[in-house]
């Protein structure tokens, strides 16, 4: 029985899609001919890559309470379909609704692009409390639809600095000997959110600690010069009116070069 092949060429539109079907139909035979199977079905298989979702955390992973975090959810890759992805926050040491406002929902993407979800943190009040200095929670994405996937981490941890708790105690740099009236640095570890530091001095082991006028408003050190003598230094880190206990002290001996 003779046969004829009907060619049908599929086209690549560059869009991710489900496999697509089409049909070829026969009709109107002539000269008393009849049609047996009058419909043929073809399937066009998708060869384009599925879209990919990524989660980018905020530029600053730590904020002072009362600030906010922004999380960017992006989809790359062109698609003929609409893709959704779920997002949600989860408590760590920070809990909602005391420390932050919970967020959850579903984002829809009809084309490549990005959307930002903002999570505000809450300021709890004034006065010392028993909460940790840094409290954290996580923000996650999941369940991408229609064949999309997630690239990289699907979760980000963010930290809230408690404004009502004293900062951690700084650690001062080590003991040393210097010449008289010579600049020397006094440096310490700094922590995010500290508003100022108090540098204390005890000369010649008198037991009397006084705040020095060079105490910096910010930063992690100060440059000093002193006359001959033995000096102990300690530093307190402060956030507003809440200050840490003094650090362990370091000793700086100011002496003549030939008499140290």
Protein backbone atom coordinates (compact mmCIF):
# COMPACT_ATOMS: atom_id res chain seq x y z
CA UNK A 1 0.00 0.00 0.00
CA UNK A 2 1.53 3.30 -1.03
CA UNK A 3 2.12 5.91 1.64
CA UNK A 4 3.18 9.53 1.87
CA UNK A 5 5.17 11.21 4.66
CA UNK A 6 3.92 14.59 5.81
CA UNK A 7 6.85 16.54 7.34
CA UNK A 8 6.13 18.92 10.24
CA UNK A 9 9.02 21.04 11.55
CA UNK A 10 8.95 22.21 15.18
CA UNK A 11 10.41 25.56 16.21
CA UNK A 12 12.47 26.44 19.28
CA UNK A 13 11.09 29.59 20.87
CA UNK A 14 13.83 29.63 23.53
CA UNK A 15 11.30 29.28 26.35
CA UNK A 16 11.12 26.51 28.90
CA UNK A 17 7.80 24.69 28.66
CA UNK A 18 6.07 21.40 29.25
CA UNK A 19 6.14 18.94 26.36
CA UNK A 20 3.63 20.14 23.75
CA UNK A 21 1.40 18.13 21.44
CA UNK A 22 -0.23 18.84 18.09
CA UNK A 23 -2.32 16.80 15.67
CA UNK A 24 -2.49 16.25 11.91
CA UNK A 25 -5.99 15.59 10.64
CA UNK A 26 -7.06 14.00 7.35
CA UNK A 27 -10.33 15.03 5.74
CA UNK A 28 -12.33 15.10 2.48
CA UNK A 29 -11.08 12.00 0.64
CA UNK A 30 -11.98 11.89 -3.08
CA UNK A 31 -12.99 9.23 -5.63
CA UNK A 32 -14.84 7.04 -3.13
CA UNK A 33 -11.81 6.70 -0.84
CA UNK A 34 -12.37 6.51 2.89
CA UNK A 35 -10.32 7.43 5.95
CA UNK A 36 -9.21 4.82 8.41
CA UNK A 37 -7.23 6.63 11.09
CA UNK A 38 -7.80 10.28 10.41
CA UNK A 39 -5.76 11.88 13.20
CA UNK A 40 -2.09 11.62 14.08
CA UNK A 41 -0.62 13.18 17.26
CA UNK A 42 2.91 14.58 17.57
CA UNK A 43 4.80 15.53 20.72
CA UNK A 44 7.37 18.33 20.87
CA UNK A 45 9.77 17.68 23.73
CA UNK A 46 11.11 20.68 25.64
CA UNK A 47 14.88 21.11 25.32
CA UNK A 48 15.22 24.49 27.07
CA UNK A 49 16.56 24.70 30.62
CA UNK A 50 14.09 25.25 33.43
CA UNK A 51 14.26 28.55 35.37
CA UNK A 52 16.38 28.78 38.50
CA UNK A 53 15.57 30.64 41.70
CA UNK A 54 18.25 32.22 43.93
CA UNK A 55 18.05 33.79 47.38
CA UNK A 56 20.31 36.73 48.24
CA UNK A 57 20.44 37.88 51.84
CA UNK A 58 20.69 41.51 52.97
CA UNK A 59 23.93 43.45 52.48
CA UNK A 60 24.27 43.59 56.28
CA UNK A 61 23.60 40.28 58.02
CA UNK A 62 23.26 42.11 61.35
CA UNK A 63 21.11 45.15 62.20
CA UNK A 64 20.22 47.03 65.35
CA UNK A 65 16.76 46.21 66.65
CA UNK A 66 14.23 48.49 65.01
CA UNK A 67 15.97 48.14 61.64
CA UNK A 68 14.92 45.84 58.82
CA UNK A 69 16.29 43.17 56.50
CA UNK A 70 15.67 42.84 52.76
CA UNK A 71 15.83 39.44 51.04
CA UNK A 72 16.03 39.28 47.26
CA UNK A 73 14.44 36.34 45.47
CA UNK A 74 15.34 36.20 41.78
CA UNK A 75 14.34 33.93 38.90
CA UNK A 76 16.58 33.52 35.86
CA UNK A 77 15.74 31.72 32.62
CA UNK A 78 12.95 32.48 30.15
CA UNK A 79 9.82 30.38 30.43
CA UNK A 80 6.41 30.11 28.84
CA UNK A 81 5.02 29.10 32.22
CA UNK A 82 4.34 30.98 35.43
CA UNK A 83 6.54 29.79 38.30
CA UNK A 84 5.91 30.25 42.01
CA UNK A 85 8.10 29.87 45.07
CA UNK A 86 7.29 29.92 48.76
CA UNK A 87 9.12 31.97 51.40
CA UNK A 88 8.96 32.08 55.20
CA UNK A 89 10.79 33.18 58.33
CA UNK A 90 11.58 30.86 61.23
CA UNK A 91 12.51 31.62 64.84
CA UNK A 92 16.00 31.05 66.16
CA UNK A 93 17.02 32.81 69.35
CA UNK A 94 14.95 35.71 68.01
CA UNK A 95 11.20 35.08 68.21
CA UNK A 96 8.25 36.71 66.54
CA UNK A 97 6.33 38.83 67.27
CA UNK A 98 8.65 40.05 70.04
CA UNK A 99 11.88 40.53 68.07
CA UNK A 100 10.73 40.65 64.45
CA UNK A 101 7.62 40.48 62.27
CA UNK A 102 7.16 37.06 60.68
CA UNK A 103 6.78 36.87 56.92
CA UNK A 104 5.49 34.02 54.73
CA UNK A 105 3.82 33.71 51.36
CA UNK A 106 4.17 32.77 47.72
CA UNK A 107 5.80 34.81 44.96
CA UNK A 108 4.79 34.44 41.31
CA UNK A 109 7.15 35.02 38.35
CA UNK A 110 5.91 35.22 34.76
CA UNK A 111 9.33 36.25 33.45
CA UNK A 112 12.91 36.56 34.72
CA UNK A 113 13.31 39.14 37.46
CA UNK A 114 13.57 39.66 41.20
CA UNK A 115 11.37 40.58 44.14
CA UNK A 116 12.37 41.81 47.61
CA UNK A 117 10.76 40.73 50.87
CA UNK A 118 11.35 43.08 53.81
CA UNK A 119 11.38 41.78 57.37
CA UNK A 120 11.22 44.51 60.05
CA UNK A 121 12.74 44.00 63.48
CA UNK A 122 11.17 45.34 66.64
CA UNK A 123 12.61 47.42 69.46
CA UNK A 124 11.48 45.90 72.72
CA UNK A 125 11.81 48.85 75.06
CA UNK A 126 14.37 50.26 77.45
CA UNK A 127 16.35 48.90 80.34
CA UNK A 128 18.52 45.81 80.73
CA UNK A 129 17.06 42.36 80.08
CA UNK A 130 18.21 38.76 80.06
CA UNK A 131 18.14 38.21 76.31
CA UNK A 132 21.31 37.40 74.35
CA UNK A 133 23.25 40.27 72.83
CA UNK A 134 22.65 38.94 69.32
CA UNK A 135 19.39 37.19 68.46
CA UNK A 136 18.92 35.42 65.14
CA UNK A 137 16.21 34.07 62.86
CA UNK A 138 16.23 32.52 59.39
CA UNK A 139 14.59 33.34 56.07
CA UNK A 140 14.04 30.51 53.60
CA UNK A 141 12.59 29.76 50.18
CA UNK A 142 11.25 26.44 48.91
CA UNK A 143 8.84 24.46 46.70
CA UNK A 144 9.51 26.06 43.29
CA UNK A 145 6.76 25.10 40.84
CA UNK A 146 6.54 23.91 37.22
CA UNK A 147 9.99 22.35 37.05
CA UNK A 148 11.98 25.31 38.39
CA UNK A 149 14.82 24.69 40.86
CA UNK A 150 16.80 26.55 43.55
CA UNK A 151 20.49 27.32 43.06
CA UNK A 152 22.73 27.92 46.06
CA UNK A 153 21.52 28.23 49.61
CA UNK A 154 17.77 28.24 50.22
CA UNK A 155 18.11 29.77 53.69
CA UNK A 156 19.79 32.85 55.21
CA UNK A 157 20.38 33.57 58.90
CA UNK A 158 20.14 37.15 60.12
CA UNK A 159 21.09 38.63 63.50
CA UNK A 160 19.44 41.37 65.54
CA UNK A 161 21.57 43.34 67.99
CA UNK A 162 19.68 43.89 71.22
CA UNK A 163 19.76 47.58 72.13
CA UNK A 164 18.85 46.89 75.76
CA UNK A 165 21.66 44.49 76.71
CA UNK A 166 25.25 45.54 77.48
CA UNK A 167 27.68 44.88 74.61
CA UNK A 168 30.27 42.11 74.90
CA UNK A 169 33.44 42.96 76.80
CA UNK A 170 36.21 44.08 74.41
CA UNK A 171 39.63 42.44 74.30
CA UNK A 172 42.59 44.82 74.52
CA UNK A 173 45.93 44.47 72.74
CA UNK A 174 48.93 43.23 74.74
CA UNK A 175 51.42 44.69 77.21
CA UNK A 176 54.38 46.70 75.94
CA UNK A 177 57.12 49.23 76.71
CA UNK A 178 57.40 52.59 74.93
CA UNK A 179 59.46 55.74 75.17
CA UNK A 180 58.14 58.90 76.86
CA UNK A 181 55.91 61.25 74.86
CA UNK A 182 55.88 58.83 71.92
CA UNK A 183 52.65 57.97 70.15
CA UNK A 184 51.54 54.39 70.79
CA UNK A 185 48.28 52.67 69.80
CA UNK A 186 45.83 51.13 72.21
CA UNK A 187 43.48 48.85 70.28
CA UNK A 188 40.66 46.43 71.07
CA UNK A 189 38.08 44.25 69.44
CA UNK A 190 35.01 46.13 68.22
CA UNK A 191 31.44 44.84 67.90
CA UNK A 192 28.65 45.94 65.57
CA UNK A 193 26.28 48.50 67.06
CA UNK A 194 28.53 49.95 69.75
CA UNK A 195 27.97 53.70 70.05
CA UNK A 196 31.10 54.64 71.99
CA UNK A 197 33.90 53.36 74.22
CA UNK A 198 35.23 54.40 77.62
CA UNK A 199 38.98 54.00 78.10
CA UNK A 200 40.11 53.77 81.72
CA UNK A 201 43.61 54.44 83.06
CA UNK A 202 45.36 53.50 86.29
CA UNK A 203 48.79 55.15 86.69
CA UNK A 204 51.56 53.51 88.72
CA UNK A 205 49.19 50.83 90.04
CA UNK A 206 47.47 53.32 92.32
CA UNK A 207 44.18 51.43 92.14
CA UNK A 208 42.43 54.62 91.02
CA UNK A 209 40.86 54.18 87.58
CA UNK A 210 39.87 57.31 85.66
CA UNK A 211 38.37 57.86 82.24
CA UNK A 212 40.90 59.36 79.87
CA UNK A 213 39.86 62.29 77.65
CA UNK A 214 41.02 60.46 74.52
CA UNK A 215 38.12 57.95 74.81
CA UNK A 216 36.85 57.54 71.25
CA UNK A 217 33.28 57.93 70.13
CA UNK A 218 33.66 55.01 67.75
CA UNK A 219 36.29 52.76 66.25
CA UNK A 220 38.49 50.09 67.73
CA UNK A 221 41.46 52.01 69.10
CA UNK A 222 43.09 55.25 70.12
CA UNK A 223 46.60 56.70 69.84
CA UNK A 224 48.12 57.88 73.12
CA UNK A 225 51.33 59.38 74.48
CA UNK A 226 52.33 59.46 78.14
CA UNK A 227 55.11 60.68 80.44
CA UNK A 228 57.31 58.27 82.39
CA UNK A 229 55.46 55.73 84.52
CA UNK A 230 53.53 52.49 84.54
CA UNK A 231 50.05 52.64 83.07
CA UNK A 232 47.26 50.13 83.15
CA UNK A 233 44.45 50.51 80.60
CA UNK A 234 41.02 48.93 80.31
CA UNK A 235 38.11 49.67 78.01
CA UNK A 236 34.32 49.48 78.25
CA UNK A 237 32.09 49.14 75.18
CA UNK A 238 28.79 51.03 75.27
CA UNK A 239 25.52 51.13 73.41
CA UNK A 240 23.67 54.18 74.55
CA UNK A 241 23.54 54.04 78.34
CA UNK A 242 24.30 50.31 78.48
CA UNK A 243 28.03 49.59 78.90
CA UNK A 244 29.98 46.39 79.29
CA UNK A 245 32.15 45.56 82.25
CA UNK A 246 35.77 46.75 81.87
CA UNK A 247 38.05 44.56 79.81
CA UNK A 248 41.02 42.76 81.22
CA UNK A 249 43.73 45.38 81.62
CA UNK A 250 46.98 45.73 79.73
CA UNK A 251 50.12 47.43 81.06
CA UNK A 252 52.14 49.96 79.14
CA UNK A 253 55.49 50.90 80.68
CA UNK A 254 56.67 54.34 79.59
CA UNK A 255 60.43 54.48 80.15
CA UNK A 256 63.69 55.86 78.83
CA UNK A 257 65.10 53.65 76.06
CA UNK A 258 68.08 52.63 78.18
CA UNK A 259 66.06 52.07 81.33
CA UNK A 260 63.12 49.81 80.26
